[in-house]
Amino acid sequence: MTVVADGEVRVAVAVVAARLVCRRCGRDENVAAEFTGGACLTVAEARGFVVDGAEVAFDGRCPPCRAVTGGRNT
């Protein structure tokens, strides 16, 4: 994150490792995702943290488990 002279905050988009995790069967896939993290970084820096990295995980249902549950995400 960069703060310029007029107080404007600029956050670069980064490609980060993300995970897709099925809550039903535990399937876990690594994927690349674009992530800005602007709000998270702003909160972290306001509390004095210097962020070195991040992990992003999306929980849900994989296609086979969605088929078993009739497409529902439960």
N, C-alpha and C. Protein backbone atom coordinates (compact mmCIF):
# COMPACT_ATOMS: atom_id res chain seq x y z
N MET A 1 0.86 -1.16 0.00
CA MET A 1 0.00 0.00 0.00
C MET A 1 0.90 1.22 0.00
N THR A 2 0.49 2.23 -0.75
CA THR A 2 1.26 3.46 -0.83
C THR A 2 0.37 4.63 -0.47
N VAL A 3 0.83 5.50 0.40
CA VAL A 3 0.11 6.73 0.73
C VAL A 3 0.88 7.88 0.09
N VAL A 4 0.20 8.62 -0.79
CA VAL A 4 0.86 9.73 -1.47
C VAL A 4 0.63 11.01 -0.67
N ALA A 5 1.29 12.09 -1.07
CA ALA A 5 1.32 13.32 -0.30
C ALA A 5 -0.06 13.88 0.06
N ASP A 6 -1.04 13.76 -0.83
CA ASP A 6 -2.36 14.33 -0.56
C ASP A 6 -3.21 13.43 0.33
N GLY A 7 -2.62 12.34 0.85
CA GLY A 7 -3.35 11.43 1.74
C GLY A 7 -4.08 10.32 1.02
N GLU A 8 -4.04 10.33 -0.31
CA GLU A 8 -4.71 9.28 -1.07
C GLU A 8 -3.98 7.96 -0.88
N VAL A 9 -4.73 6.90 -0.68
CA VAL A 9 -4.15 5.58 -0.50
C VAL A 9 -4.29 4.81 -1.80
N ARG A 10 -3.19 4.26 -2.27
CA ARG A 10 -3.22 3.45 -3.49
C ARG A 10 -2.78 2.05 -3.14
N VAL A 11 -3.55 1.08 -3.59
CA VAL A 11 -3.23 -0.32 -3.32
C VAL A 11 -3.06 -1.02 -4.65
N ALA A 12 -1.92 -1.65 -4.84
CA ALA A 12 -1.67 -2.38 -6.08
C ALA A 12 -2.37 -3.73 -6.03
N VAL A 13 -2.86 -4.14 -7.19
CA VAL A 13 -3.45 -5.47 -7.30
C VAL A 13 -2.31 -6.47 -7.37
N ALA A 14 -2.40 -7.52 -6.59
CA ALA A 14 -1.37 -8.56 -6.58
C ALA A 14 -2.02 -9.90 -6.87
N VAL A 15 -1.27 -10.76 -7.52
CA VAL A 15 -1.73 -12.13 -7.70
C VAL A 15 -1.21 -12.92 -6.50
N VAL A 16 -2.13 -13.51 -5.77
CA VAL A 16 -1.77 -14.25 -4.57
C VAL A 16 -2.24 -15.69 -4.68
N ALA A 17 -1.65 -16.53 -3.87
CA ALA A 17 -2.11 -17.91 -3.79
C ALA A 17 -3.40 -17.93 -2.98
N ALA A 18 -4.41 -18.55 -3.53
CA ALA A 18 -5.68 -18.68 -2.83
C ALA A 18 -6.05 -20.16 -2.81
N ARG A 19 -6.95 -20.50 -1.91
CA ARG A 19 -7.39 -21.89 -1.80
C ARG A 19 -8.89 -21.95 -1.94
N LEU A 20 -9.37 -22.98 -2.64
CA LEU A 20 -10.79 -23.30 -2.72
C LEU A 20 -10.98 -24.55 -1.87
N VAL A 21 -11.78 -24.45 -0.81
CA VAL A 21 -11.91 -25.56 0.14
C VAL A 21 -13.37 -25.99 0.20
N CYS A 22 -13.62 -27.28 -0.07
CA CYS A 22 -14.97 -27.82 0.02
C CYS A 22 -15.27 -28.17 1.48
N ARG A 23 -16.34 -27.59 2.00
CA ARG A 23 -16.71 -27.86 3.40
C ARG A 23 -17.32 -29.25 3.58
N ARG A 24 -17.74 -29.90 2.49
CA ARG A 24 -18.37 -31.21 2.62
C ARG A 24 -17.33 -32.34 2.61
N CYS A 25 -16.45 -32.35 1.59
CA CYS A 25 -15.52 -33.47 1.45
C CYS A 25 -14.07 -33.11 1.80
N GLY A 26 -13.79 -31.81 1.96
CA GLY A 26 -12.43 -31.40 2.31
C GLY A 26 -11.52 -31.15 1.12
N ARG A 27 -12.03 -31.31 -0.10
CA ARG A 27 -11.21 -31.04 -1.29
C ARG A 27 -10.60 -29.65 -1.14
N ASP A 28 -9.32 -29.54 -1.48
CA ASP A 28 -8.58 -28.30 -1.28
C ASP A 28 -7.75 -28.05 -2.53
N GLU A 29 -8.07 -26.99 -3.27
CA GLU A 29 -7.34 -26.67 -4.49
C GLU A 29 -6.65 -25.32 -4.35
N ASN A 30 -5.41 -25.25 -4.80
CA ASN A 30 -4.69 -23.98 -4.84
C ASN A 30 -4.95 -23.32 -6.19
N VAL A 31 -5.24 -22.03 -6.16
CA VAL A 31 -5.47 -21.26 -7.38
C VAL A 31 -4.79 -19.91 -7.23
N ALA A 32 -4.57 -19.24 -8.34
CA ALA A 32 -4.06 -17.87 -8.31
C ALA A 32 -5.26 -16.94 -8.36
N ALA A 33 -5.22 -15.87 -7.58
CA ALA A 33 -6.34 -14.92 -7.56
C ALA A 33 -5.80 -13.51 -7.47
N GLU A 34 -6.52 -12.57 -8.09
CA GLU A 34 -6.17 -11.17 -7.94
C GLU A 34 -6.77 -10.67 -6.63
N PHE A 35 -5.99 -9.95 -5.87
CA PHE A 35 -6.42 -9.51 -4.55
C PHE A 35 -5.87 -8.12 -4.30
N THR A 36 -6.74 -7.20 -3.90
CA THR A 36 -6.26 -5.86 -3.57
C THR A 36 -5.95 -5.73 -2.09
N GLY A 37 -6.80 -6.29 -1.25
CA GLY A 37 -6.55 -6.24 0.19
C GLY A 37 -6.57 -4.86 0.79
N GLY A 38 -7.08 -3.88 0.07
CA GLY A 38 -7.05 -2.50 0.53
C GLY A 38 -7.60 -2.30 1.93
N ALA A 39 -8.81 -2.74 2.17
CA ALA A 39 -9.43 -2.53 3.49
C ALA A 39 -8.66 -3.26 4.58
N CYS A 40 -8.25 -4.48 4.29
CA CYS A 40 -7.49 -5.26 5.29
C CYS A 40 -6.17 -4.59 5.61
N LEU A 41 -5.47 -4.12 4.58
CA LEU A 41 -4.18 -3.48 4.82
C LEU A 41 -4.35 -2.17 5.58
N THR A 42 -5.40 -1.43 5.28
CA THR A 42 -5.65 -0.17 5.98
C THR A 42 -5.87 -0.42 7.46
N VAL A 43 -6.68 -1.42 7.79
CA VAL A 43 -6.94 -1.77 9.20
C VAL A 43 -5.66 -2.23 9.87
N ALA A 44 -4.89 -3.09 9.20
CA ALA A 44 -3.65 -3.61 9.79
C ALA A 44 -2.67 -2.48 10.07
N GLU A 45 -2.48 -1.60 9.09
CA GLU A 45 -1.51 -0.51 9.28
C GLU A 45 -1.98 0.48 10.34
N ALA A 46 -3.28 0.70 10.46
CA ALA A 46 -3.80 1.59 11.49
C ALA A 46 -3.49 1.06 12.89
N ARG A 47 -3.30 -0.25 12.98
CA ARG A 47 -2.98 -0.88 14.27
C ARG A 47 -1.49 -1.13 14.44
N GLY A 48 -0.68 -0.58 13.51
CA GLY A 48 0.76 -0.68 13.64
C GLY A 48 1.38 -1.93 13.04
N PHE A 49 0.60 -2.74 12.33
CA PHE A 49 1.14 -3.96 11.73
C PHE A 49 1.78 -3.65 10.39
N VAL A 50 2.86 -4.34 10.09
CA VAL A 50 3.45 -4.34 8.76
C VAL A 50 3.15 -5.71 8.18
N VAL A 51 2.39 -5.75 7.10
CA VAL A 51 1.96 -7.01 6.52
C VAL A 51 3.03 -7.54 5.57
N ASP A 52 3.46 -8.79 5.80
CA ASP A 52 4.46 -9.43 4.96
C ASP A 52 3.85 -10.35 3.91
N GLY A 53 2.65 -10.84 4.15
CA GLY A 53 2.02 -11.77 3.23
C GLY A 53 0.58 -12.01 3.65
N ALA A 54 -0.12 -12.77 2.82
CA ALA A 54 -1.53 -13.05 3.12
C ALA A 54 -1.90 -14.41 2.55
N GLU A 55 -2.90 -15.00 3.16
CA GLU A 55 -3.47 -16.25 2.65
C GLU A 55 -4.96 -16.03 2.48
N VAL A 56 -5.48 -16.43 1.33
CA VAL A 56 -6.90 -16.26 1.04
C VAL A 56 -7.50 -17.65 0.85
N ALA A 57 -8.60 -17.92 1.53
CA ALA A 57 -9.29 -19.21 1.38
C ALA A 57 -10.77 -18.95 1.16
N PHE A 58 -11.33 -19.62 0.16
CA PHE A 58 -12.76 -19.55 -0.13
C PHE A 58 -13.37 -20.89 0.23
N ASP A 59 -14.33 -20.88 1.14
CA ASP A 59 -15.02 -22.10 1.55
C ASP A 59 -16.33 -22.23 0.78
N GLY A 60 -16.68 -23.45 0.43
CA GLY A 60 -17.94 -23.70 -0.27
C GLY A 60 -18.10 -25.17 -0.56
N ARG A 61 -18.65 -25.49 -1.73
CA ARG A 61 -18.86 -26.87 -2.15
C ARG A 61 -18.25 -27.08 -3.53
N CYS A 62 -17.54 -28.19 -3.69
CA CYS A 62 -16.97 -28.54 -4.99
C CYS A 62 -18.08 -29.09 -5.89
N PRO A 63 -17.85 -29.18 -7.21
CA PRO A 63 -18.89 -29.67 -8.12
C PRO A 63 -19.46 -31.04 -7.75
N PRO A 64 -18.65 -32.06 -7.42
CA PRO A 64 -19.24 -33.34 -7.05
C PRO A 64 -20.15 -33.25 -5.81
N CYS A 65 -19.75 -32.48 -4.82
CA CYS A 65 -20.57 -32.35 -3.61
C CYS A 65 -21.83 -31.54 -3.89
N ARG A 66 -21.75 -30.56 -4.78
CA ARG A 66 -22.95 -29.81 -5.15
C ARG A 66 -23.93 -30.72 -5.85
N ALA A 67 -23.43 -31.67 -6.65
CA ALA A 67 -24.32 -32.62 -7.34
C ALA A 67 -25.05 -33.50 -6.33
N VAL A 68 -24.35 -33.92 -5.29
CA VAL A 68 -24.94 -34.78 -4.26
C VAL A 68 -26.01 -34.02 -3.47
N THR A 69 -25.77 -32.72 -3.25
CA THR A 69 -26.71 -31.93 -2.45
C THR A 69 -27.72 -31.18 -3.32
N GLY A 70 -27.84 -31.56 -4.59
CA GLY A 70 -28.80 -30.91 -5.47
C GLY A 70 -28.46 -29.47 -5.79
N GLY A 71 -27.17 -29.14 -5.79
CA GLY A 71 -26.71 -27.80 -6.13
C GLY A 71 -26.71 -26.83 -4.96
N ARG A 72 -27.28 -27.23 -3.84
CA ARG A 72 -27.31 -26.35 -2.67
C ARG A 72 -25.91 -26.25 -2.06
N ASN A 73 -25.64 -25.15 -1.46
CA ASN A 73 -24.35 -24.93 -0.81
C ASN A 73 -24.51 -25.15 0.70
N THR A 74 -25.12 -26.28 1.07
CA THR A 74 -25.33 -26.58 2.49
C THR A 74 -24.79 -27.95 2.83
